Amino acid sequence: MLSRLIALALALLLCSTNVAVAAPPADDPVVYPAFTNVPELTDGFNLLYEQKFDQARAKFNDWESRNPDDPFGPTTIAASYLFEEFYRQGVLTSEFYCDDKKFLHGIESKPDPERLKGFQHAISSARGLAGARLREKPGDPEALFALTMAAGMESNSLVVLLKKHLDGLKRMKEANDYAKQILAVRPDAIDAYVGPGSANYIIGCLSGTTRFFLWFGGIHGDKKLGMEQVTKTAEGGRYLKPFAKILLALAALREKQYELARTNLRELTEQYPDSPAFAAEYAKVMKRPIRAEIHP
């Protein structure tokens, strides 16, 4: 495994995924849904965080059908499939995060093939629409954000669900590169911090030897920086704020920062009282009986 990581690191060093893009004009009048509170999309994400996946996806599909050229539409649909599979597999739980074998190597069972197919179709659609936008308008913020999200979610899918760690690391680096680009042109794209933040934290949890060789390929890991970046989204994000909060809470449990974990989980349960996942994790951290099961 280590030799394969070394090979990947050297390959990434020789072939960077950085893409130079022009920033949009400062007086750009376009209103981008990814950086605006669109009621339908907000409702969809709220349903997602309540584990009402079919209802959330219906909202996203409806919005996409009326905005067929916007790459953010299929991005939200992809997020619904990935979040649902993570829920079904118990990924966003303290049992998963605090078990190094699971956290660093992926799920023990196989992901649902139909759900994975839907996810990959949505990712491909988002990439295609984003690419078309960038060809027409270099530096388009909506396109860059969609590419950031697509690469980050695909990295999560490859590493956690499919256990294709080398491919996942490549996508992780791509997500980091796109995140830098979008934040350069849209500093208010706070949701973009969750990608590099989670990547920094996960890589920071790897062994020192593995991190050393990944460093030569331009892949760095820093647990402290990762948590700081995720915190930015948890405090000031738009659609991904709750997602960042659960990631931050679970990372805090790994780091034995129990008060930070309790605070974020309490806030999630207050915002989403119908969420069985958030209720169960809060009950665990408070050492109370679990009245709602995470797994259906």
Protein backbone atom coordinates (compact mmCIF):
# COMPACT_ATOMS: atom_id res chain seq x y z
CA MET A 1 0.00 0.00 0.00
CA LEU A 2 2.79 2.42 0.92
CA SER A 3 4.59 1.89 -2.40
CA ARG A 4 1.36 2.68 -4.25
CA LEU A 5 0.93 5.88 -2.24
CA ILE A 6 4.49 6.89 -3.10
CA ALA A 7 3.78 6.31 -6.80
CA LEU A 8 0.64 8.41 -6.59
CA ALA A 9 2.49 11.19 -4.80
CA LEU A 10 5.16 11.35 -7.49
CA ALA A 11 2.53 11.28 -10.23
CA LEU A 12 0.64 14.15 -8.66
CA LEU A 13 3.87 16.09 -8.26
CA LEU A 14 4.55 15.78 -12.01
CA CYS A 15 0.98 16.42 -13.08
CA SER A 16 -0.78 19.02 -10.94
CA THR A 17 -4.54 19.46 -11.24
CA ASN A 18 -4.33 23.24 -10.81
CA VAL A 19 -6.20 25.09 -13.56
CA ALA A 20 -5.68 28.79 -14.09
CA VAL A 21 -8.95 30.68 -14.41
CA ALA A 22 -9.84 34.31 -14.80
CA ALA A 23 -11.81 36.00 -12.05
CA PRO A 24 -15.24 37.38 -12.99
CA PRO A 25 -15.55 41.16 -12.98
CA ALA A 26 -16.09 42.71 -9.56
CA ASP A 27 -19.42 44.19 -10.71
CA ASP A 28 -20.75 40.84 -11.93
CA PRO A 29 -24.55 41.28 -11.68
CA VAL A 30 -25.34 37.56 -11.84
CA VAL A 31 -27.09 36.04 -8.81
CA TYR A 32 -25.69 32.55 -8.24
CA PRO A 33 -27.93 30.00 -6.46
CA ALA A 34 -24.91 28.39 -4.78
CA PHE A 35 -24.29 31.64 -2.89
CA THR A 36 -27.90 32.71 -2.36
CA ASN A 37 -30.59 31.40 -0.04
CA VAL A 38 -32.91 29.83 -2.60
CA PRO A 39 -36.00 28.68 -0.64
CA GLU A 40 -36.46 25.44 -2.60
CA LEU A 41 -32.84 24.45 -2.21
CA THR A 42 -32.83 25.41 1.46
CA ASP A 43 -35.92 23.26 2.00
CA GLY A 44 -34.26 20.39 0.16
CA PHE A 45 -31.14 20.52 2.30
CA ASN A 46 -33.24 20.76 5.47
CA LEU A 47 -35.06 17.57 4.43
CA LEU A 48 -31.69 15.98 3.73
CA TYR A 49 -30.51 16.75 7.27
CA GLU A 50 -33.70 15.20 8.62
CA GLN A 51 -32.87 12.00 6.69
CA LYS A 52 -35.93 12.47 4.45
CA PHE A 53 -33.92 11.61 1.37
CA ASP A 54 -36.65 10.95 -1.18
CA GLN A 55 -38.40 14.22 -0.34
CA ALA A 56 -35.12 16.13 -0.49
CA ARG A 57 -34.24 14.61 -3.85
CA ALA A 58 -37.69 15.51 -5.20
CA LYS A 59 -37.03 19.15 -4.30
CA PHE A 60 -33.63 19.08 -5.96
CA ASN A 61 -34.91 17.31 -9.08
CA ASP A 62 -37.72 19.82 -9.43
CA TRP A 63 -35.32 22.76 -9.15
CA GLU A 64 -32.90 21.15 -11.62
CA SER A 65 -35.69 20.60 -14.16
CA ARG A 66 -36.39 24.34 -14.16
CA ASN A 67 -32.69 25.29 -14.20
CA PRO A 68 -31.23 22.72 -16.60
CA ASP A 69 -28.05 24.70 -17.37
CA ASP A 70 -27.04 25.31 -13.75
CA PRO A 71 -24.40 22.84 -12.46
CA PHE A 72 -25.54 23.38 -8.88
CA GLY A 73 -28.71 21.38 -9.59
CA PRO A 74 -27.06 18.00 -10.19
CA THR A 75 -24.56 18.83 -7.45
CA THR A 76 -27.38 18.90 -4.90
CA ILE A 77 -28.80 15.65 -6.27
CA ALA A 78 -25.39 13.98 -5.95
CA ALA A 79 -25.19 15.22 -2.36
CA SER A 80 -28.55 13.62 -1.58
CA TYR A 81 -27.38 10.22 -2.82
CA LEU A 82 -24.04 10.40 -1.00
CA PHE A 83 -25.53 11.61 2.27
CA GLU A 84 -28.17 8.86 2.12
CA GLU A 85 -25.58 6.15 1.52
CA PHE A 86 -23.43 7.50 4.35
CA TYR A 87 -26.49 7.35 6.61
CA ARG A 88 -27.36 3.78 5.57
CA GLN A 89 -23.77 2.68 6.12
CA GLY A 90 -23.42 4.46 9.49
CA VAL A 91 -20.56 6.63 8.26
CA LEU A 92 -21.55 9.85 10.01
CA THR A 93 -21.46 8.26 13.46
CA SER A 94 -19.06 8.24 16.37
CA GLU A 95 -18.65 4.46 15.97
CA PHE A 96 -17.28 5.00 12.47
CA TYR A 97 -15.19 8.10 13.15
CA CYS A 98 -13.59 6.81 16.34
CA ASP A 99 -12.63 3.44 14.85
CA ASP A 100 -9.37 3.86 12.91
CA LYS A 101 -9.96 0.72 10.89
CA LYS A 102 -13.26 2.08 9.56
CA PHE A 103 -12.34 5.77 9.45
CA LEU A 104 -9.10 5.30 7.50
CA HIS A 105 -10.08 2.30 5.38
CA GLY A 106 -13.79 2.65 4.56
CA ILE A 107 -17.02 0.76 5.14
CA GLU A 108 -17.06 -2.98 5.74
CA SER A 109 -20.05 -3.79 3.51
CA LYS A 110 -20.81 -2.83 -0.10
CA PRO A 111 -22.67 0.35 -1.09
CA ASP A 112 -26.06 0.18 -2.75
CA PRO A 113 -25.39 -0.08 -6.53
CA GLU A 114 -28.49 1.87 -7.61
CA ARG A 115 -27.77 4.68 -5.19
CA LEU A 116 -24.17 4.77 -6.37
CA LYS A 117 -25.32 4.83 -9.99
CA GLY A 118 -27.57 7.81 -9.29
CA PHE A 119 -24.74 9.57 -7.49
CA GLN A 120 -22.27 9.07 -10.33
CA HIS A 121 -24.79 10.18 -12.97
CA ALA A 122 -25.41 13.42 -11.04
CA ILE A 123 -21.66 13.99 -10.61
CA SER A 124 -21.05 13.55 -14.36
CA SER A 125 -23.88 15.95 -15.15
CA ALA A 126 -22.51 18.58 -12.75
CA ARG A 127 -19.02 18.29 -14.26
CA GLY A 128 -20.37 18.58 -17.81
CA LEU A 129 -22.48 21.66 -17.08
CA ALA A 130 -19.65 23.30 -15.10
CA GLY A 131 -17.18 22.68 -17.92
CA ALA A 132 -19.56 24.23 -20.45
CA ARG A 133 -19.96 27.30 -18.26
CA LEU A 134 -16.22 27.76 -17.83
CA ARG A 135 -15.68 27.56 -21.58
CA GLU A 136 -18.26 30.28 -22.07
CA LYS A 137 -17.26 32.35 -19.04
CA PRO A 138 -13.85 31.59 -17.50
CA GLY A 139 -13.91 31.95 -13.73
CA ASP A 140 -17.67 31.41 -13.41
CA PRO A 141 -18.17 31.02 -9.62
CA GLU A 142 -21.12 28.63 -9.87
CA ALA A 143 -19.10 26.31 -12.11
CA LEU A 144 -16.04 26.39 -9.86
CA PHE A 145 -18.14 25.68 -6.80
CA ALA A 146 -19.85 22.76 -8.54
CA LEU A 147 -16.46 21.32 -9.51
CA THR A 148 -15.22 21.75 -5.94
CA MET A 149 -18.23 19.90 -4.60
CA ALA A 150 -18.15 17.22 -7.28
CA ALA A 151 -14.49 16.39 -6.68
CA GLY A 152 -14.92 16.42 -2.90
CA MET A 153 -17.96 14.15 -2.94
CA GLU A 154 -16.39 11.79 -5.44
CA SER A 155 -13.30 11.58 -3.25
CA ASN A 156 -15.49 10.63 -0.28
CA SER A 157 -17.28 8.02 -2.35
CA LEU A 158 -14.05 6.49 -3.67
CA VAL A 159 -12.32 6.33 -0.28
CA VAL A 160 -15.17 5.54 2.11
CA LEU A 161 -17.59 3.52 -0.02
CA LEU A 162 -15.45 1.93 -2.73
CA LYS A 163 -12.09 1.79 -0.90
CA LYS A 164 -10.26 3.10 -3.96
CA HIS A 165 -7.86 5.15 -1.89
CA LEU A 166 -5.45 6.21 -4.61
CA ASP A 167 -8.22 7.47 -6.90
CA GLY A 168 -9.81 9.12 -3.89
CA LEU A 169 -6.62 10.99 -3.01
CA LYS A 170 -6.39 12.28 -6.57
CA ARG A 171 -9.93 13.63 -6.39
CA MET A 172 -9.19 15.05 -2.95
CA LYS A 173 -6.33 17.10 -4.37
CA GLU A 174 -8.54 18.23 -7.24
CA ALA A 175 -11.19 19.38 -4.75
CA ASN A 176 -8.58 21.34 -2.80
CA ASP A 177 -7.35 23.05 -5.96
CA TYR A 178 -10.84 24.06 -7.03
CA ALA A 179 -11.65 25.24 -3.50
CA LYS A 180 -8.69 27.63 -3.64
CA GLN A 181 -9.92 28.96 -6.98
CA ILE A 182 -13.50 29.55 -5.89
CA LEU A 183 -12.46 31.19 -2.63
CA ALA A 184 -10.13 33.48 -4.57
CA VAL A 185 -13.02 34.84 -6.64
CA ARG A 186 -15.81 34.41 -4.08
CA PRO A 187 -14.53 34.73 -0.49
CA ASP A 188 -18.15 34.41 0.65
CA ALA A 189 -18.31 30.82 -0.66
CA ILE A 190 -17.88 29.57 2.91
CA ASP A 191 -19.34 26.16 2.06
CA ALA A 192 -16.20 25.48 -0.01
CA TYR A 193 -14.06 25.23 3.15
CA VAL A 194 -15.63 21.92 4.19
CA GLY A 195 -13.88 20.03 1.37
CA PRO A 196 -10.26 20.97 2.08
CA GLY A 197 -11.02 20.96 5.79
CA SER A 198 -12.20 17.36 5.87
CA ALA A 199 -9.31 16.37 3.57
CA ASN A 200 -6.74 18.04 5.81
CA TYR A 201 -8.18 16.33 8.85
CA ILE A 202 -8.38 12.84 7.31
CA ILE A 203 -4.85 12.99 5.89
CA GLY A 204 -3.63 14.39 9.19
CA CYS A 205 -4.90 11.21 10.84
CA LEU A 206 -2.71 8.99 8.63
CA SER A 207 0.62 7.65 9.84
CA GLY A 208 3.62 9.99 9.72
CA THR A 209 5.37 7.90 7.08
CA THR A 210 2.39 7.96 4.73
CA ARG A 211 1.93 11.73 5.19
CA PHE A 212 5.63 12.26 4.46
CA PHE A 213 5.41 10.66 1.02
CA LEU A 214 2.06 12.27 0.21
CA TRP A 215 3.63 15.64 1.00
CA PHE A 216 5.97 15.24 -1.97
CA GLY A 217 2.95 14.87 -4.22
CA GLY A 218 1.47 18.13 -3.00
CA ILE A 219 -0.99 16.42 -0.67
CA HIS A 220 -0.69 17.85 2.83
CA GLY A 221 -2.48 16.93 5.99
CA ASP A 222 -3.03 18.95 9.14
CA LYS A 223 -5.67 17.94 11.66
CA LYS A 224 -5.72 21.31 13.40
CA LEU A 225 -6.01 23.27 10.16
CA GLY A 226 -8.65 20.84 8.91
CA MET A 227 -10.85 21.41 11.95
CA GLU A 228 -10.37 25.16 11.63
CA GLN A 229 -11.50 25.06 7.99
CA VAL A 230 -14.53 22.89 8.77
CA THR A 231 -15.35 25.30 11.60
CA LYS A 232 -15.57 28.14 9.08
CA THR A 233 -18.35 26.32 7.25
CA ALA A 234 -19.97 25.21 10.52
CA GLU A 235 -20.17 28.84 11.63
CA GLY A 236 -20.80 30.72 8.39
CA GLY A 237 -21.83 28.24 5.72
CA ARG A 238 -25.08 28.27 3.81
CA TYR A 239 -26.29 24.89 2.55
CA LEU A 240 -23.47 22.81 4.07
CA LYS A 241 -23.42 24.40 7.53
CA PRO A 242 -25.17 21.44 9.27
CA PHE A 243 -23.00 18.94 7.38
CA ALA A 244 -19.90 20.77 8.59
CA LYS A 245 -21.26 20.73 12.15
CA ILE A 246 -21.65 16.95 12.22
CA LEU A 247 -18.17 16.50 10.72
CA LEU A 248 -16.74 18.89 13.32
CA ALA A 249 -18.55 17.14 16.16
CA LEU A 250 -17.30 13.71 15.11
CA ALA A 251 -13.74 14.97 14.62
CA ALA A 252 -13.95 16.58 18.06
CA LEU A 253 -14.90 13.22 19.56
CA ARG A 254 -11.83 11.64 17.94
CA GLU A 255 -9.70 14.40 19.46
CA LYS A 256 -11.43 14.09 22.85
CA GLN A 257 -12.73 17.66 22.58
CA TYR A 258 -16.01 16.66 24.17
CA GLU A 259 -17.41 20.12 24.84
CA LEU A 260 -17.02 21.08 21.18
CA ALA A 261 -18.76 17.87 20.16
CA ARG A 262 -21.61 18.43 22.63
CA THR A 263 -22.14 22.02 21.47
CA ASN A 264 -22.41 21.16 17.79
CA LEU A 265 -24.59 18.11 18.36
CA ARG A 266 -26.90 20.06 20.66
CA GLU A 267 -27.29 22.78 18.04
CA LEU A 268 -28.03 20.18 15.35
CA THR A 269 -30.71 18.49 17.44
CA GLU A 270 -32.29 21.84 18.22
CA GLN A 271 -32.36 22.78 14.54
CA TYR A 272 -33.44 19.32 13.34
CA PRO A 273 -35.48 17.70 16.14
CA ASP A 274 -36.84 15.10 13.69
CA SER A 275 -33.39 13.84 12.71
CA PRO A 276 -32.78 10.36 14.17
CA ALA A 277 -29.06 10.52 13.31
CA PHE A 278 -28.38 13.78 15.15
CA ALA A 279 -30.58 12.74 18.10
CA ALA A 280 -28.72 9.45 18.48
CA GLU A 281 -25.26 11.05 18.38
CA TYR A 282 -26.27 13.71 20.90
CA ALA A 283 -27.68 11.04 23.21
CA LYS A 284 -24.38 9.15 23.03
CA VAL A 285 -22.22 12.15 23.82
CA MET A 286 -24.55 13.06 26.71
CA LYS A 287 -24.55 9.41 27.87
CA ARG A 288 -28.31 9.18 27.63
CA PRO A 289 -30.47 6.31 26.33
CA ILE A 290 -30.83 6.39 22.55
CA ARG A 291 -34.49 6.76 21.65
CA ALA A 292 -33.96 6.86 17.89
CA GLU A 293 -32.00 4.36 15.80
CA ILE A 294 -29.49 5.58 13.25
CA HIS A 295 -30.02 2.62 10.95
CA PRO A 296 -33.53 2.04 9.58
